[in-house]
Amino acid sequence: MQYLQLTYIVISSIFIFFLVFPFLKVLLSGLFIERVKVEGDVQELDYANVITAYRNANISKNLIQSLINQTHGRHHIYLVADNCDISDWDVEHEKLTVLNPQPPLNLKVKSIIHAVENFKRPHDYVVVFDADNIAHPKFLEQINWYANAGHRTIQGQRTAKNLDTTMACVDSLGEFYKNYVERYVSYLIGSSSVISGSGMAVETELYKTYLYSPEIEEGKQQWKKMLQEDKILQNHLLRLNERISYAWNAIVYDEKVTTADAVETQRSRWLYSYFQNLPNSLGLLFRGLTRFSWNQLLFGVITVSPPLFILLAISFLLGVVGLFIAPVVSLLMGIALLIFVGNIFLTLYLSKVPKQVWSALGGVPLFVFKQATALLKMRNPNKNFKHTEHNRDVSIDDLLKSSGE
């Protein structure tokens, strides 16, 4: 019985830590003010905007238009239309290069490498976009400010371009939370922002060390079992102890899932990638401890933390079991759960989320259920992992008008 109690206390303590830790980070961030200082005149650096489109190049047209209309003028757009029929493609511009690799590459990182190998000129930074993204007119201008301040890796703020269904709103809710807690706050207190997967800018030569790293070479042979590109990138950067900054005002709009089935499809890939990446996260945590790196240590803790619905479900079960094993610990678990949930509402308030997101809270149980069923589809990635379809035709003008700009 004593061994059982000890085991329970140790496991519960770990989960209590992960429940309270985000709130402590938010409190600590209140002591910091972001200062992005540029010495001398701001240089107009050159950016390569790489768009990876798979099977549907047309969905990228709004993104291309938003990039053409950037307030920052020095950049070029590379659209990699992989496995796409572009026989009726009708968008032409001096800043646009359309690449249609043959045979098809069928892997996002291969598309990015293909773009880099076909650059029209040397670029200072590479910026990666998904085809469904749309860039705010001042996106590159904001990125350029951070780059001039010496930041080599900059993650922009990815936010929803569609809040037209309950699932899209709940999906957006999760991103608002992660943007604030795992990206903005982490960066403010001296560590690194978690990479979103798109809307990030990396110094070109640094980015090439990632593209031609052993992890990418190995991953290209694994097809759908490959660790997600964003996780390989952040692991690569953090092992070099590079700090990933977060540009709150560099906004890129991203299409959110609109149906419950799409939630299951998308989250099965994400959950698989989380468990697949755990050894890397633990390695970064260990590096941070042994090399006294706050950047690596905190980032390791953040990426080790379980997905929200798993964290809440296991914590709740531990709290119930604890009533019969260690009532005091069970009480602490209950308090920690309240702090965690309260912190979610606090961060949503601080993020000034749209009213549609607040009104969609009733859809959270279904969203969580579909994430749970996504766990069952992780066993055979090559069979079960499917490409998420994007079909929301929204222009940058529509988005700016809806936000009052």
Foldseek 3Di string as FASTA:
>chain_A
DVVVLVVLLVVLVLLLCLLCVLVVLVVVLVVFDDDQDFPDDQDLFEEEEEEEAEQDLPLQPQQVVLVPLAPRDHYAYEYEYFNYDCPPPDDDDPRYDYHYDPPGLLDRLVSVVVPVVPDPDDGFKYFYAYSNKHWHNHLVVLVSSNVSSPAQKEAEQEAAPDLPALQQLQQRLVSLLLCVRQAQSCQRVPAAHQHPLGRMMGGVVLVVCLSPDPLNVVQSVVNLLRQRSSLSVVLSCVVVPRHYHYRHPNYMHHHGDHDLVLLLQVLLSVQLNLVVCLVSLVVLLVCCVVVVRPHSNVNSVVSNNDDPLVSLVVLQVSLVVCVVNPPVSSVSSVVSNVSSVVVSVVSCVVSVDDVSSVVSPVCVVSSSVSSVVSPVQNPDRVPRRDDRDDDDDDHSVNSCVVVPD
